PDB file of all heavy atoms in Angstrom:
ATOM      1  N   GLN A   1       0.829  -1.205   0.000  1.00  0.00           N
ATOM      2  CA  GLN A   1       0.000   0.000   0.000  1.00  0.00           C
ATOM      3  C   GLN A   1       0.860   1.250   0.000  1.00  0.00           C
ATOM      4  O   GLN A   1       0.531   2.244  -0.651  1.00  0.00           O
ATOM      5  CB  GLN A   1      -0.936   0.006   1.211  1.00  0.00           C
ATOM      6  CG  GLN A   1      -1.916   1.170   1.231  1.00  0.00           C
ATOM      7  CD  GLN A   1      -2.881   1.138   0.058  1.00  0.00           C
ATOM      8  OE1 GLN A   1      -3.459   0.108  -0.255  1.00  0.00           O
ATOM      9  NE2 GLN A   1      -3.065   2.288  -0.601  1.00  0.00           N
ATOM     10  N   ALA A   2       1.958   1.211   0.718  1.00  0.00           N
ATOM     11  CA  ALA A   2       2.869   2.365   0.717  1.00  0.00           C
ATOM     12  C   ALA A   2       3.397   2.628  -0.691  1.00  0.00           C
ATOM     13  O   ALA A   2       3.537   3.782  -1.104  1.00  0.00           O
ATOM     14  CB  ALA A   2       4.016   2.125   1.688  1.00  0.00           C
ATOM     15  N   ASP A   3       3.696   1.569  -1.424  1.00  0.00           N
ATOM     16  CA  ASP A   3       4.135   1.744  -2.812  1.00  0.00           C
ATOM     17  C   ASP A   3       3.025   2.383  -3.645  1.00  0.00           C
ATOM     18  O   ASP A   3       3.279   3.278  -4.454  1.00  0.00           O
ATOM     19  CB  ASP A   3       4.520   0.396  -3.432  1.00  0.00           C
ATOM     20  CG  ASP A   3       5.784  -0.191  -2.833  1.00  0.00           C
ATOM     21  OD1 ASP A   3       6.624   0.588  -2.349  1.00  0.00           O
ATOM     22  OD2 ASP A   3       5.913  -1.427  -2.836  1.00  0.00           O
ATOM     23  N   LEU A   4       1.800   1.916  -3.470  1.00  0.00           N
ATOM     24  CA  LEU A   4       0.683   2.462  -4.237  1.00  0.00           C
ATOM     25  C   LEU A   4       0.480   3.942  -3.941  1.00  0.00           C
ATOM     26  O   LEU A   4       0.109   4.712  -4.833  1.00  0.00           O
ATOM     27  CB  LEU A   4      -0.605   1.702  -3.912  1.00  0.00           C
ATOM     28  CG  LEU A   4      -0.691   0.242  -4.355  1.00  0.00           C
ATOM     29  CD1 LEU A   4      -2.038  -0.347  -3.957  1.00  0.00           C
ATOM     30  CD2 LEU A   4      -0.472   0.093  -5.854  1.00  0.00           C
ATOM     31  N   ASP A   5       0.712   4.325  -2.689  1.00  0.00           N
ATOM     32  CA  ASP A   5       0.488   5.717  -2.295  1.00  0.00           C
ATOM     33  C   ASP A   5       1.625   6.637  -2.722  1.00  0.00           C
ATOM     34  O   ASP A   5       1.462   7.863  -2.712  1.00  0.00           O
ATOM     35  CB  ASP A   5       0.331   5.808  -0.772  1.00  0.00           C
ATOM     36  CG  ASP A   5      -0.936   5.121  -0.281  1.00  0.00           C
ATOM     37  OD1 ASP A   5      -1.847   4.912  -1.100  1.00  0.00           O
ATOM     38  OD2 ASP A   5      -0.993   4.789   0.923  1.00  0.00           O
ATOM     39  N   ALA A   6       2.758   6.078  -3.097  1.00  0.00           N
ATOM     40  CA  ALA A   6       3.910   6.898  -3.477  1.00  0.00           C
ATOM     41  C   ALA A   6       3.676   7.551  -4.833  1.00  0.00           C
ATOM     42  O   ALA A   6       3.113   6.941  -5.752  1.00  0.00           O
ATOM     43  CB  ALA A   6       5.172   6.037  -3.524  1.00  0.00           C
ATOM     44  N   ASP A   7       4.110   8.771  -4.964  1.00  0.00           N
ATOM     45  CA  ASP A   7       3.922   9.529  -6.203  1.00  0.00           C
ATOM     46  C   ASP A   7       5.102   9.258  -7.146  1.00  0.00           C
ATOM     47  O   ASP A   7       5.923  10.132  -7.419  1.00  0.00           O
ATOM     48  CB  ASP A   7       3.810  11.020  -5.883  1.00  0.00           C
ATOM     49  CG  ASP A   7       3.461  11.857  -7.105  1.00  0.00           C
ATOM     50  OD1 ASP A   7       2.970  11.278  -8.098  1.00  0.00           O
ATOM     51  OD2 ASP A   7       3.689  13.077  -7.071  1.00  0.00           O
ATOM     52  N   ILE A   8       5.178   8.026  -7.628  1.00  0.00           N
ATOM     53  CA  ILE A   8       6.345   7.625  -8.423  1.00  0.00           C
ATOM     54  C   ILE A   8       5.959   6.979  -9.750  1.00  0.00           C
ATOM     55  O   ILE A   8       6.830   6.556 -10.504  1.00  0.00           O
ATOM     56  CB  ILE A   8       7.218   6.621  -7.630  1.00  0.00           C
ATOM     57  CG1 ILE A   8       6.382   5.373  -7.295  1.00  0.00           C
ATOM     58  CG2 ILE A   8       7.782   7.270  -6.378  1.00  0.00           C
ATOM     59  CD1 ILE A   8       7.195   4.259  -6.635  1.00  0.00           C
ATOM     60  N   TRP A   9       4.672   6.945 -10.051  1.00  0.00           N
ATOM     61  CA  TRP A   9       4.231   6.045 -11.116  1.00  0.00           C
ATOM     62  C   TRP A   9       4.227   6.676 -12.495  1.00  0.00           C
ATOM     63  O   TRP A   9       4.508   6.013 -13.495  1.00  0.00           O
ATOM     64  CB  TRP A   9       2.850   5.487 -10.763  1.00  0.00           C
ATOM     65  CG  TRP A   9       2.892   4.678  -9.511  1.00  0.00           C
ATOM     66  CD1 TRP A   9       2.504   5.069  -8.258  1.00  0.00           C
ATOM     67  CD2 TRP A   9       3.394   3.349  -9.359  1.00  0.00           C
ATOM     68  NE1 TRP A   9       2.706   4.081  -7.338  1.00  0.00           N
ATOM     69  CE2 TRP A   9       3.258   2.996  -7.986  1.00  0.00           C
ATOM     70  CE3 TRP A   9       3.934   2.415 -10.247  1.00  0.00           C
ATOM     71  CZ2 TRP A   9       3.643   1.762  -7.496  1.00  0.00           C
ATOM     72  CZ3 TRP A   9       4.321   1.180  -9.745  1.00  0.00           C
ATOM     73  CH2 TRP A   9       4.180   0.867  -8.393  1.00  0.00           C
ATOM     74  N   GLY A  10       3.837   7.935 -12.602  1.00  0.00           N
ATOM     75  CA  GLY A  10       3.894   8.601 -13.903  1.00  0.00           C
ATOM     76  C   GLY A  10       3.131   7.896 -15.007  1.00  0.00           C
ATOM     77  O   GLY A  10       3.648   7.705 -16.109  1.00  0.00           O
ATOM     78  N   GLY A  11       1.894   7.494 -14.726  1.00  0.00           N
ATOM     79  CA  GLY A  11       1.078   6.833 -15.744  1.00  0.00           C
ATOM     80  C   GLY A  11       1.200   5.330 -15.738  1.00  0.00           C
ATOM     81  O   GLY A  11       0.572   4.670 -16.570  1.00  0.00           O
ATOM     82  N   ALA A  12       1.981   4.757 -14.830  1.00  0.00           N
ATOM     83  CA  ALA A  12       2.145   3.308 -14.776  1.00  0.00           C
ATOM     84  C   ALA A  12       1.709   2.743 -13.428  1.00  0.00           C
ATOM     85  O   ALA A  12       2.150   1.680 -13.018  1.00  0.00           O
ATOM     86  CB  ALA A  12       3.602   2.936 -15.045  1.00  0.00           C
ATOM     87  N   HIS A  13       0.844   3.461 -12.711  1.00  0.00           N
ATOM     88  CA  HIS A  13       0.338   2.980 -11.427  1.00  0.00           C
ATOM     89  C   HIS A  13      -0.345   1.627 -11.635  1.00  0.00           C
ATOM     90  O   HIS A  13      -1.057   1.434 -12.617  1.00  0.00           O
ATOM     91  CB  HIS A  13      -0.657   3.993 -10.858  1.00  0.00           C
ATOM     92  CG  HIS A  13      -1.046   3.742  -9.437  1.00  0.00           C
ATOM     93  ND1 HIS A  13      -1.947   2.771  -9.068  1.00  0.00           N
ATOM     94  CD2 HIS A  13      -0.663   4.349  -8.277  1.00  0.00           C
ATOM     95  CE1 HIS A  13      -2.106   2.787  -7.760  1.00  0.00           C
ATOM     96  NE2 HIS A  13      -1.333   3.735  -7.253  1.00  0.00           N
ATOM     97  N   PRO A  14      -0.145   0.668 -10.736  1.00  0.00           N
ATOM     98  CA  PRO A  14      -0.732  -0.658 -10.946  1.00  0.00           C
ATOM     99  C   PRO A  14      -2.259  -0.672 -11.046  1.00  0.00           C
ATOM    100  O   PRO A  14      -2.823  -1.538 -11.719  1.00  0.00           O
ATOM    101  CB  PRO A  14      -0.257  -1.439  -9.718  1.00  0.00           C
ATOM    102  CG  PRO A  14       0.993  -0.757  -9.291  1.00  0.00           C
ATOM    103  CD  PRO A  14       0.756   0.701  -9.575  1.00  0.00           C
ATOM    104  N   LEU A  15      -2.930   0.272 -10.388  1.00  0.00           N
ATOM    105  CA  LEU A  15      -4.388   0.212 -10.296  1.00  0.00           C
ATOM    106  C   LEU A  15      -5.111   1.401 -10.923  1.00  0.00           C
ATOM    107  O   LEU A  15      -6.327   1.322 -11.110  1.00  0.00           O
ATOM    108  CB  LEU A  15      -4.813   0.109  -8.821  1.00  0.00           C
ATOM    109  CG  LEU A  15      -4.233  -1.051  -8.010  1.00  0.00           C
ATOM    110  CD1 LEU A  15      -4.750  -0.997  -6.581  1.00  0.00           C
ATOM    111  CD2 LEU A  15      -4.564  -2.382  -8.652  1.00  0.00           C
ATOM    112  N   GLU A  16      -4.416   2.476 -11.229  1.00  0.00           N
ATOM    113  CA  GLU A  16      -5.104   3.700 -11.634  1.00  0.00           C
ATOM    114  C   GLU A  16      -4.449   4.335 -12.857  1.00  0.00           C
ATOM    115  O   GLU A  16      -3.219   4.373 -12.965  1.00  0.00           O
ATOM    116  CB  GLU A  16      -5.081   4.720 -10.478  1.00  0.00           C
ATOM    117  CG  GLU A  16      -5.782   4.259  -9.222  1.00  0.00           C
ATOM    118  CD  GLU A  16      -5.652   5.258  -8.087  1.00  0.00           C
ATOM    119  OE1 GLU A  16      -5.048   6.327  -8.318  1.00  0.00           O
ATOM    120  OE2 GLU A  16      -6.137   4.980  -6.979  1.00  0.00           O
ATOM    121  N   ASP A  17      -5.301   4.827 -13.760  1.00  0.00           N
ATOM    122  CA  ASP A  17      -4.872   5.685 -14.858  1.00  0.00           C
ATOM    123  C   ASP A  17      -3.755   5.047 -15.688  1.00  0.00           C
ATOM    124  O   ASP A  17      -2.818   5.708 -16.108  1.00  0.00           O
ATOM    125  CB  ASP A  17      -4.417   7.051 -14.301  1.00  0.00           C
ATOM    126  CG  ASP A  17      -4.220   8.084 -15.399  1.00  0.00           C
ATOM    127  OD1 ASP A  17      -4.932   8.017 -16.418  1.00  0.00           O
ATOM    128  OD2 ASP A  17      -3.350   8.958 -15.234  1.00  0.00           O
ATOM    129  N   ARG A  18      -3.886   3.771 -15.939  1.00  0.00           N
ATOM    130  CA  ARG A  18      -2.907   3.096 -16.783  1.00  0.00           C
ATOM    131  C   ARG A  18      -3.178   3.411 -18.256  1.00  0.00           C
ATOM    132  O   ARG A  18      -4.321   3.536 -18.681  1.00  0.00           O
ATOM    133  CB  ARG A  18      -2.939   1.582 -16.546  1.00  0.00           C
ATOM    134  CG  ARG A  18      -2.520   1.212 -15.120  1.00  0.00           C
ATOM    135  CD  ARG A  18      -2.417  -0.295 -14.945  1.00  0.00           C
ATOM    136  NE  ARG A  18      -1.436  -0.883 -15.861  1.00  0.00           N
ATOM    137  CZ  ARG A  18      -0.124  -0.836 -15.679  1.00  0.00           C
ATOM    138  NH1 ARG A  18       0.376  -0.237 -14.599  1.00  0.00           N
ATOM    139  NH2 ARG A  18       0.692  -1.394 -16.547  1.00  0.00           N
ATOM    140  N   ASP A  19      -2.122   3.504 -19.027  1.00  0.00           N
ATOM    141  CA  ASP A  19      -2.277   3.885 -20.424  1.00  0.00           C
ATOM    142  C   ASP A  19      -3.197   2.936 -21.188  1.00  0.00           C
ATOM    143  O   ASP A  19      -3.942   3.362 -22.071  1.00  0.00           O
ATOM    144  CB  ASP A  19      -0.908   3.942 -21.108  1.00  0.00           C
ATOM    145  CG  ASP A  19      -0.064   5.111 -20.620  1.00  0.00           C
ATOM    146  OD1 ASP A  19      -0.638   6.050 -20.034  1.00  0.00           O
ATOM    147  OD2 ASP A  19       1.167   5.078 -20.828  1.00  0.00           O
ATOM    148  N   GLU A  20      -3.158   1.643 -20.850  1.00  0.00           N
ATOM    149  CA  GLU A  20      -3.952   0.676 -21.620  1.00  0.00           C
ATOM    150  C   GLU A  20      -5.453   0.800 -21.375  1.00  0.00           C
ATOM    151  O   GLU A  20      -6.252   0.186 -22.109  1.00  0.00           O
ATOM    152  CB  GLU A  20      -3.491  -0.750 -21.340  1.00  0.00           C
ATOM    153  CG  GLU A  20      -3.540  -1.185 -19.896  1.00  0.00           C
ATOM    154  CD  GLU A  20      -2.198  -1.040 -19.193  1.00  0.00           C
ATOM    155  OE1 GLU A  20      -1.449  -0.079 -19.498  1.00  0.00           O
ATOM    156  OE2 GLU A  20      -1.897  -1.883 -18.323  1.00  0.00           O
ATOM    157  N   VAL A  21      -5.855   1.604 -20.363  1.00  0.00           N
ATOM    158  CA  VAL A  21      -7.296   1.789 -20.188  1.00  0.00           C
ATOM    159  C   VAL A  21      -7.912   2.437 -21.418  1.00  0.00           C
ATOM    160  O   VAL A  21      -9.100   2.233 -21.732  1.00  0.00           O
ATOM    161  CB  VAL A  21      -7.592   2.613 -18.907  1.00  0.00           C
ATOM    162  CG1 VAL A  21      -7.316   4.098 -19.114  1.00  0.00           C
ATOM    163  CG2 VAL A  21      -9.032   2.418 -18.451  1.00  0.00           C
ATOM    164  N   HIS A  22      -7.119   3.199 -22.152  1.00  0.00           N
ATOM    165  CA  HIS A  22      -7.655   3.890 -23.321  1.00  0.00           C
ATOM    166  C   HIS A  22      -7.917   2.954 -24.493  1.00  0.00           C
ATOM    167  O   HIS A  22      -8.683   3.300 -25.402  1.00  0.00           O
ATOM    168  CB  HIS A  22      -6.741   5.049 -23.699  1.00  0.00           C
ATOM    169  CG  HIS A  22      -6.588   6.034 -22.573  1.00  0.00           C
ATOM    170  ND1 HIS A  22      -7.620   6.864 -22.180  1.00  0.00           N
ATOM    171  CD2 HIS A  22      -5.563   6.278 -21.708  1.00  0.00           C
ATOM    172  CE1 HIS A  22      -7.230   7.590 -21.135  1.00  0.00           C
ATOM    173  NE2 HIS A  22      -5.985   7.249 -20.836  1.00  0.00           N
ATOM    174  N   ASP A  23      -7.330   1.752 -24.469  1.00  0.00           N
ATOM    175  CA  ASP A  23      -7.697   0.752 -25.472  1.00  0.00           C
ATOM    176  C   ASP A  23      -9.170   0.382 -25.324  1.00  0.00           C
ATOM    177  O   ASP A  23      -9.875   0.157 -26.319  1.00  0.00           O
ATOM    178  CB  ASP A  23      -6.834  -0.505 -25.315  1.00  0.00           C
ATOM    179  CG  ASP A  23      -5.368  -0.255 -25.597  1.00  0.00           C
ATOM    180  OD1 ASP A  23      -5.054   0.726 -26.307  1.00  0.00           O
ATOM    181  OD2 ASP A  23      -4.527  -1.048 -25.104  1.00  0.00           O
ATOM    182  N   ILE A  24      -9.632   0.307 -24.080  1.00  0.00           N
ATOM    183  CA  ILE A  24     -11.040  -0.001 -23.820  1.00  0.00           C
ATOM    184  C   ILE A  24     -11.930   1.093 -24.390  1.00  0.00           C
ATOM    185  O   ILE A  24     -12.930   0.818 -25.084  1.00  0.00           O
ATOM    186  CB  ILE A  24     -11.276  -0.152 -22.310  1.00  0.00           C
ATOM    187  CG1 ILE A  24     -10.449  -1.314 -21.743  1.00  0.00           C
ATOM    188  CG2 ILE A  24     -12.765  -0.325 -21.996  1.00  0.00           C
ATOM    189  CD1 ILE A  24     -10.380  -1.342 -20.224  1.00  0.00           C
ATOM    190  N   TYR A  25     -11.560   2.348 -24.138  1.00  0.00           N
ATOM    191  CA  TYR A  25     -12.433   3.451 -24.543  1.00  0.00           C
ATOM    192  C   TYR A  25     -12.385   3.700 -26.047  1.00  0.00           C
ATOM    193  O   TYR A  25     -13.368   4.182 -26.621  1.00  0.00           O
ATOM    194  CB  TYR A  25     -12.087   4.702 -23.736  1.00  0.00           C
ATOM    195  CG  TYR A  25     -12.285   4.469 -22.249  1.00  0.00           C
ATOM    196  CD1 TYR A  25     -11.358   4.911 -21.310  1.00  0.00           C
ATOM    197  CD2 TYR A  25     -13.395   3.758 -21.788  1.00  0.00           C
ATOM    198  CE1 TYR A  25     -11.535   4.666 -19.961  1.00  0.00           C
ATOM    199  CE2 TYR A  25     -13.582   3.509 -20.444  1.00  0.00           C
ATOM    200  CZ  TYR A  25     -12.658   3.955 -19.529  1.00  0.00           C
ATOM    201  OH  TYR A  25     -12.849   3.701 -18.198  1.00  0.00           O
TER     202      TYR A  25
END
């Protein structure tokens, strides 16, 4: 959870705002 809360993802967060979500849309 600490990793998830860290501001280090830049569009590659495991659970949120992943680039591949746009393939769905």
